[in-house]
């Protein structure tokens, strides 16, 4: 597809989970809203590989594809049924627009970090809107698991597909993970993610992006990262020296069940138990960290401390039955925002645990309504930023 995309907006999305098992990505549990998409993908795969038309994919029909997909053979009968193929998750967001995949944005001692950039399939109607808005998504996984490919699954795929339809670009980024013996902490996850934004801003021209309109989104651990990217100045938390001085502007952000303050450990204590322990110290503090620096590190990584009257708008969506990142975080962020006049909106999802899992009853609003509100928030904020720009001298 020939492109001269230039629509002007960058949306950053970060998603995270405060425990590797307790807080898996939204795409990890089989999301209800992904059922139809999974059936469509499985049907396409079956049509491609089932050469004899018997309704099953066998190794001899495509040895290379079988090698990749044989892990889906649950009953070990040497064939793959349609139901088994439905378990295959796409590595990338399926779109009709241009995709720039596996783009290296930064080299680190642990290896190269990559992002995937997706473009809408329709060109902007107005030449003045030729620089694209882009959504930068940082995945969840407790800062210790997950990858940028979570953008292709479940509710995330639904959000990003709709945003592409509304003229946004979407960038899904990887960051280094906090694992034993790697000498990394949550601060490194945030710095890497900021460097991804800086890379996109530095290359905004050739990438047809608008460095003055970045949007952010994330869930759980990624939600904390998204909040940090939204609320912290571009020059803060420098990483790669070649990217450190790159300017950009964040317009708005969305956090799905992301934490807002680490110093207030009571916010993580969903049932107010007396023997509650700090669950994230090992991920916030490196093994060689000076105990005297603990408070400063906790405060630096707490988005609530970054709120000011000049902060860009933030929408926090939180489940009232979430025991991983309790709803207390959303209420606390709202109180802190009101104290300084920051534009923070919260949406509380009834009967929802982490990853919008239903607890005892159907969640309200539904997954579909959460997706729609997320998309609409970004659309509204984009329109407001353009209106403000048009009215400025």
Foldseek 3Di string as FASTA:
>chain_A
DDALAAAAAAAAAFAAFQAQPLFPFLQPPPAPVCQVVLLVVLVVVCVVQVPVPPQKHACVSPVVVCVVQVVLVVVPPRIHHSVSSSPDFDQAQDAPFDKDFQDFLDADPVGTWGKIKTAARDHDPDPVRRQAHEHHHHEYRSLADDFLSCCRGDLNSVLQRVLSVVGHMYMRIGFDGDDPPPQAALLRRLQRSLSVLLSCQVCSNVVSHHQAHHHYHYEASGLLSRLCNQQPASQPSHDDPVRNPRHGHYAEYEYELYAAALVPQVQLQLPPDPPDDRSRQPRQDGPPDDPVCSVVSRLSSHSLNRAALPGHEYEYEYECAENRRHPSRLVVSVVSCVVHNGHYHYHYKYQAYHSRDGHPDAIPPHSVVVSVVNNVVSVVSVVVVVVVVVPDD
